[in-house]
Amino acid sequence: MKVWIDGHFYSKEEAKISVFDHGLLYGDGLFEGIRIYGGKIFRLKEHLERLFDGAKAIALSLPYSLEEIAAAVEESRRVNEKQEGYIRLMATRGVGDLGISPYLCPRPSLLIIVDDISLYPAELYQQGIPIVTASSRRIGLDAFDVRVKSLNYLNNVLAKIEARQAGCLEAVMLNSAGYVCECTGDNIFIVKGGTLLSPNPSDSLLDGITRRTVFELAAGEGIEAKATALTRYDLYTADECFLTGTGAQIMPVKSVDGRLIGVGKPGVLSLRLMAAFDAFVRKG
């Protein structure tokens, strides 16, 4: 494995950042998770646009243009000879000192890791997974806009710990008003009466690239789909439920907080969208 750091490739063993990097000291930075299918990087432009939007939101001046980063990502995939895989792109505030001020960091850093990823065992895509509601609430818009894909994921990590303590692989997070946001690393959809529903980004959730893709695919399949406020009641009474994300792709949910969803296995629309997604990412 070769890791790209600020214009140079390093072996996995040699790839390092300073202990004084504010990405490590304070979680001051951004990241994107990007998928490789058949040697092609999936929706790289959309990922980079989100990275640059996030950088603008946190006043982080990236030292490379969008085109330069795109070229570096493509080169990283080529050097690592990946036909199928996952790219972790990270931008940090850079090296400073032990003070929190970002103005102590003269130059941000950019890192690109190309590797494999498997969040869930393959058989679970045919069975669905149980999820629980986390007691850890999602950070609200009054505190921080989570559309910024920050390196500080502790809020999500605490909810993931709750999921594992409950014997599940994932947990759904609510905002302070009790509305459904997303899971610790995935967006969430339900199907009710033939309509596909997902929480509004304004309810403190990341508008995922895979989430957007599913909305596009639903339109192409003639499935009514919309973003709307959802509560746990909506999850409990859904006909179908599934999660979406770069790592997860589309993962069906068979139960929420012990309530069986539908008949407790992937539903018709879920399977239809899973097939449409697989065909879409594989097309030339």
Protein backbone atom coordinates (compact mmCIF):
# COMPACT_ATOMS: atom_id res chain seq x y z
CA MET A 1 0.00 0.00 0.00
CA LYS A 2 1.17 3.50 -0.89
CA VAL A 3 -0.25 6.49 1.00
CA TRP A 4 -0.21 9.96 -0.58
CA ILE A 5 0.72 12.76 1.84
CA ASP A 6 1.18 16.31 0.57
CA GLY A 7 2.42 15.34 -2.87
CA HIS A 8 4.53 12.29 -1.99
CA PHE A 9 3.85 8.56 -1.72
CA TYR A 10 4.90 6.61 1.37
CA SER A 11 4.63 2.97 2.33
CA LYS A 12 2.00 2.12 4.93
CA GLU A 13 4.75 1.76 7.54
CA GLU A 14 6.33 5.11 6.69
CA ALA A 15 3.10 7.12 6.29
CA LYS A 16 2.95 9.47 9.29
CA ILE A 17 1.74 12.88 10.38
CA SER A 18 3.09 15.07 13.17
CA VAL A 19 1.74 14.70 16.70
CA PHE A 20 1.34 18.48 16.51
CA ASP A 21 -1.08 18.30 13.57
CA HIS A 22 -4.34 19.92 14.66
CA GLY A 23 -6.25 17.14 12.90
CA LEU A 24 -4.92 14.84 15.63
CA LEU A 25 -4.88 17.33 18.49
CA TYR A 26 -8.37 18.75 17.96
CA GLY A 27 -10.08 16.82 15.16
CA ASP A 28 -9.65 20.00 13.11
CA GLY A 29 -10.11 18.82 9.56
CA LEU A 30 -12.33 17.07 7.06
CA PHE A 31 -12.61 13.72 5.35
CA GLU A 32 -14.35 11.97 2.50
CA GLY A 33 -14.93 8.26 1.99
CA ILE A 34 -15.01 7.38 -1.70
CA ARG A 35 -15.68 4.06 -3.43
CA ILE A 36 -13.90 2.39 -6.35
CA TYR A 37 -15.97 0.16 -8.64
CA GLY A 38 -14.40 -1.63 -11.59
CA GLY A 39 -11.37 0.63 -11.52
CA LYS A 40 -13.53 3.78 -11.62
CA ILE A 41 -13.81 6.25 -8.76
CA PHE A 42 -17.48 6.75 -7.94
CA ARG A 43 -18.74 10.33 -8.00
CA LEU A 44 -15.37 11.88 -7.26
CA LYS A 45 -16.51 15.34 -8.34
CA GLU A 46 -19.42 15.32 -5.86
CA HIS A 47 -17.15 14.19 -3.04
CA LEU A 48 -14.60 16.90 -3.78
CA GLU A 49 -17.28 19.57 -4.04
CA ARG A 50 -18.50 18.56 -0.57
CA LEU A 51 -14.92 18.65 0.71
CA PHE A 52 -14.44 22.17 -0.60
CA ASP A 53 -17.81 23.30 0.79
CA GLY A 54 -16.81 21.92 4.19
CA ALA A 55 -13.42 23.62 3.98
CA LYS A 56 -15.09 26.94 3.25
CA ALA A 57 -17.49 26.45 6.17
CA ILE A 58 -14.63 25.92 8.65
CA ALA A 59 -12.33 28.56 7.11
CA LEU A 60 -9.79 25.97 5.96
CA SER A 61 -7.84 27.11 2.89
CA LEU A 62 -6.93 23.92 1.04
CA PRO A 63 -3.44 24.12 -0.51
CA TYR A 64 -4.57 22.40 -3.72
CA SER A 65 -7.23 23.08 -6.34
CA LEU A 66 -10.14 20.70 -6.87
CA GLU A 67 -8.52 19.54 -10.10
CA GLU A 68 -5.18 18.89 -8.40
CA ILE A 69 -6.82 16.83 -5.66
CA ALA A 70 -8.83 14.87 -8.24
CA ALA A 71 -5.59 14.06 -10.09
CA ALA A 72 -3.90 12.99 -6.84
CA VAL A 73 -6.83 10.70 -5.98
CA GLU A 74 -6.76 9.14 -9.44
CA GLU A 75 -2.99 8.66 -9.21
CA SER A 76 -3.35 7.06 -5.77
CA ARG A 77 -5.83 4.55 -7.15
CA ARG A 78 -3.52 3.75 -10.07
CA VAL A 79 -0.39 3.37 -7.93
CA ASN A 80 -2.25 1.03 -5.57
CA GLU A 81 -3.70 -0.92 -8.53
CA LYS A 82 -7.19 -1.00 -7.05
CA GLN A 83 -10.11 -2.16 -9.16
CA GLU A 84 -12.45 -2.45 -6.17
CA GLY A 85 -11.88 -0.59 -2.95
CA TYR A 86 -12.23 2.46 -0.78
CA ILE A 87 -10.47 5.80 -0.67
CA ARG A 88 -10.11 7.86 2.51
CA LEU A 89 -9.31 11.47 1.65
CA MET A 90 -8.41 13.71 4.60
CA ALA A 91 -7.59 17.39 4.94
CA THR A 92 -6.16 18.57 8.26
CA ARG A 93 -5.49 22.05 9.59
CA GLY A 94 -1.83 21.07 9.63
CA VAL A 95 1.02 21.34 12.10
CA GLY A 96 0.76 23.98 14.82
CA ASP A 97 1.45 23.99 18.54
CA LEU A 98 -0.60 22.99 21.58
CA GLY A 99 -2.86 26.03 21.37
CA ILE A 100 -6.27 25.57 19.80
CA SER A 101 -6.05 28.56 17.46
CA PRO A 102 -6.13 27.50 13.79
CA TYR A 103 -3.96 30.52 12.97
CA LEU A 104 -1.05 28.69 14.58
CA CYS A 105 -1.08 26.26 11.62
CA PRO A 106 0.66 27.80 8.58
CA ARG A 107 -0.24 25.09 6.05
CA PRO A 108 -2.98 22.43 5.91
CA SER A 109 -2.13 18.84 4.96
CA LEU A 110 -3.83 16.45 2.57
CA LEU A 111 -3.73 12.65 2.88
CA ILE A 112 -5.06 9.92 0.57
CA ILE A 113 -5.37 6.26 1.64
CA VAL A 114 -6.51 3.58 -0.83
CA ASP A 115 -7.55 0.31 0.79
CA ASP A 116 -10.37 -2.24 1.12
CA ILE A 117 -13.51 -1.85 3.23
CA SER A 118 -16.19 -4.24 4.43
CA LEU A 119 -18.51 -2.81 7.07
CA TYR A 120 -20.94 -5.73 7.14
CA PRO A 121 -20.66 -9.46 6.37
CA ALA A 122 -21.92 -10.23 2.86
CA GLU A 123 -24.72 -12.54 4.06
CA LEU A 124 -26.39 -9.70 6.01
CA TYR A 125 -27.29 -7.93 2.78
CA GLN A 126 -29.76 -10.74 2.13
CA GLN A 127 -30.95 -10.98 5.74
CA GLY A 128 -30.99 -7.38 6.97
CA ILE A 129 -29.61 -6.18 10.29
CA PRO A 130 -31.19 -5.15 13.60
CA ILE A 131 -30.53 -1.60 14.77
CA VAL A 132 -31.28 0.30 17.97
CA THR A 133 -31.89 3.93 18.87
CA ALA A 134 -28.88 5.55 20.52
CA SER A 135 -29.36 7.69 23.61
CA SER A 136 -26.54 9.91 22.29
CA ARG A 137 -28.30 12.70 20.41
CA ARG A 138 -26.98 14.08 17.14
CA ILE A 139 -25.23 17.43 17.39
CA GLY A 140 -27.78 20.11 16.54
CA LEU A 141 -27.57 22.89 13.96
CA ASP A 142 -27.50 25.38 16.83
CA ALA A 143 -24.11 23.95 17.81
CA PHE A 144 -22.50 22.67 14.59
CA ASP A 145 -23.71 21.90 11.07
CA VAL A 146 -23.00 18.20 10.59
CA ARG A 147 -23.08 18.63 6.82
CA VAL A 148 -19.43 19.48 7.44
CA LYS A 149 -17.81 16.02 7.32
CA SER A 150 -15.44 16.73 10.19
CA LEU A 151 -12.62 14.56 11.49
CA ASN A 152 -14.26 14.87 14.92
CA TYR A 153 -16.66 11.89 14.90
CA LEU A 154 -16.84 11.33 18.65
CA ASN A 155 -20.60 11.93 18.67
CA ASN A 156 -21.00 9.07 16.20
CA VAL A 157 -18.44 6.89 17.97
CA LEU A 158 -20.38 7.06 21.25
CA ALA A 159 -23.56 5.99 19.44
CA LYS A 160 -21.65 3.13 17.76
CA ILE A 161 -20.52 1.96 21.21
CA GLU A 162 -24.19 1.87 22.28
CA ALA A 163 -25.04 -0.21 19.23
CA ARG A 164 -22.38 -2.78 20.00
CA GLN A 165 -23.35 -2.91 23.66
CA ALA A 166 -26.90 -3.72 22.51
CA GLY A 167 -25.61 -6.53 20.29
CA CYS A 168 -26.15 -4.59 17.05
CA LEU A 169 -23.84 -3.33 14.32
CA GLU A 170 -25.52 0.05 13.96
CA ALA A 171 -27.60 2.60 15.84
CA VAL A 172 -29.97 5.32 14.67
CA MET A 173 -29.46 8.81 16.10
CA LEU A 174 -32.12 11.39 16.90
CA ASN A 175 -31.78 15.15 17.13
CA SER A 176 -32.65 17.18 20.23
CA ALA A 177 -36.28 17.45 19.09
CA GLY A 178 -36.61 13.66 18.81
CA TYR A 179 -36.58 13.47 15.02
CA VAL A 180 -34.62 10.77 13.22
CA CYS A 181 -31.32 12.02 11.77
CA GLU A 182 -29.13 9.19 10.55
CA CYS A 183 -27.12 6.26 11.84
CA THR A 184 -23.54 6.47 13.12
CA GLY A 185 -22.07 6.20 9.64
CA ASP A 186 -25.02 5.79 7.29
CA ASN A 187 -28.13 7.61 6.16
CA ILE A 188 -31.51 5.92 6.69
CA PHE A 189 -34.57 5.36 4.49
CA ILE A 190 -37.95 3.80 5.10
CA VAL A 191 -40.72 2.67 2.79
CA LYS A 192 -44.32 3.31 3.76
CA GLY A 193 -47.25 2.61 1.47
CA GLY A 194 -44.96 2.40 -1.56
CA THR A 195 -43.30 5.78 -0.87
CA LEU A 196 -39.61 6.12 -0.09
CA LEU A 197 -38.90 8.49 2.81
CA SER A 198 -35.68 9.84 4.34
CA PRO A 199 -35.04 12.53 6.96
CA ASN A 200 -34.43 16.13 5.88
CA PRO A 201 -30.78 17.31 5.88
CA SER A 202 -32.04 20.24 7.98
CA ASP A 203 -32.70 17.73 10.79
CA SER A 204 -28.93 17.47 11.48
CA LEU A 205 -27.72 14.81 9.09
CA LEU A 206 -25.09 14.49 6.43
CA ASP A 207 -26.54 14.51 2.92
CA GLY A 208 -24.64 11.45 1.77
CA ILE A 209 -23.51 10.86 -1.81
CA THR A 210 -25.08 7.38 -1.75
CA ARG A 211 -28.26 8.91 -0.28
CA ARG A 212 -28.45 11.32 -3.22
CA THR A 213 -27.83 8.46 -5.64
CA VAL A 214 -30.72 6.45 -4.17
CA PHE A 215 -33.08 9.40 -4.68
CA GLU A 216 -31.95 9.56 -8.33
CA LEU A 217 -32.41 5.82 -8.80
CA ALA A 218 -35.86 5.92 -7.21
CA ALA A 219 -36.91 8.59 -9.71
CA GLY A 220 -35.63 6.42 -12.56
CA GLU A 221 -37.52 3.42 -11.20
CA GLY A 222 -40.75 5.40 -10.89
CA ILE A 223 -40.71 5.20 -7.08
CA GLU A 224 -42.11 8.20 -5.24
CA ALA A 225 -39.44 9.52 -2.87
CA LYS A 226 -39.15 12.52 -0.60
CA ALA A 227 -37.26 13.94 2.35
CA THR A 228 -39.42 14.57 5.40
CA ALA A 229 -39.36 14.66 9.20
CA LEU A 230 -39.43 11.16 10.70
CA THR A 231 -39.79 9.90 14.27
CA ARG A 232 -39.17 6.49 15.82
CA TYR A 233 -42.87 5.77 15.32
CA ASP A 234 -42.29 6.06 11.57
CA LEU A 235 -39.40 3.61 11.79
CA TYR A 236 -41.34 1.14 13.92
CA THR A 237 -44.35 1.13 11.58
CA ALA A 238 -42.41 1.16 8.28
CA ASP A 239 -42.98 -1.48 5.64
CA GLU A 240 -39.27 -1.51 4.81
CA CYS A 241 -36.10 0.15 6.07
CA PHE A 242 -32.54 0.36 4.78
CA LEU A 243 -29.30 2.25 5.33
CA THR A 244 -27.08 3.90 2.73
CA GLY A 245 -23.45 4.95 2.74
CA THR A 246 -20.21 4.76 0.80
CA GLY A 247 -18.96 1.89 2.93
CA ALA A 248 -22.29 0.19 3.57
CA GLN A 249 -23.75 0.80 0.08
CA ILE A 250 -27.40 -0.26 0.68
CA MET A 251 -27.98 -2.34 3.82
CA PRO A 252 -31.51 -3.57 4.68
CA VAL A 253 -32.77 -3.28 8.25
CA LYS A 254 -34.91 -6.08 9.69
CA SER A 255 -35.75 -4.57 13.08
CA VAL A 256 -35.52 -1.31 15.05
CA ASP A 257 -35.45 -1.43 18.85
CA GLY A 258 -36.80 -4.97 18.72
CA ARG A 259 -39.74 -4.06 16.44
CA LEU A 260 -39.81 -6.19 13.32
CA ILE A 261 -39.81 -4.15 10.10
CA GLY A 262 -42.30 -5.57 7.61
CA VAL A 263 -41.81 -9.32 7.59
CA GLY A 264 -38.31 -9.07 9.06
CA LYS A 265 -36.33 -9.39 5.84
CA PRO A 266 -35.37 -7.10 2.92
CA GLY A 267 -38.50 -5.77 1.20
CA VAL A 268 -39.39 -5.57 -2.48
CA LEU A 269 -38.40 -1.94 -2.99
CA SER A 270 -35.22 -2.36 -0.96
CA LEU A 271 -34.10 -5.28 -3.14
CA ARG A 272 -35.11 -3.39 -6.28
CA LEU A 273 -33.03 -0.38 -5.31
CA MET A 274 -30.10 -2.56 -4.26
CA ALA A 275 -30.10 -4.14 -7.72
CA ALA A 276 -30.46 -0.75 -9.43
CA PHE A 277 -27.59 0.67 -7.36
CA ASP A 278 -25.29 -2.24 -8.21
CA ALA A 279 -26.07 -1.89 -11.92
CA PHE A 280 -25.58 1.87 -11.77
CA VAL A 281 -22.13 1.81 -10.15
CA ARG A 282 -20.96 -0.92 -12.54
CA LYS A 283 -22.04 0.70 -15.78
CA GLY A 284 -19.35 2.01 -18.08
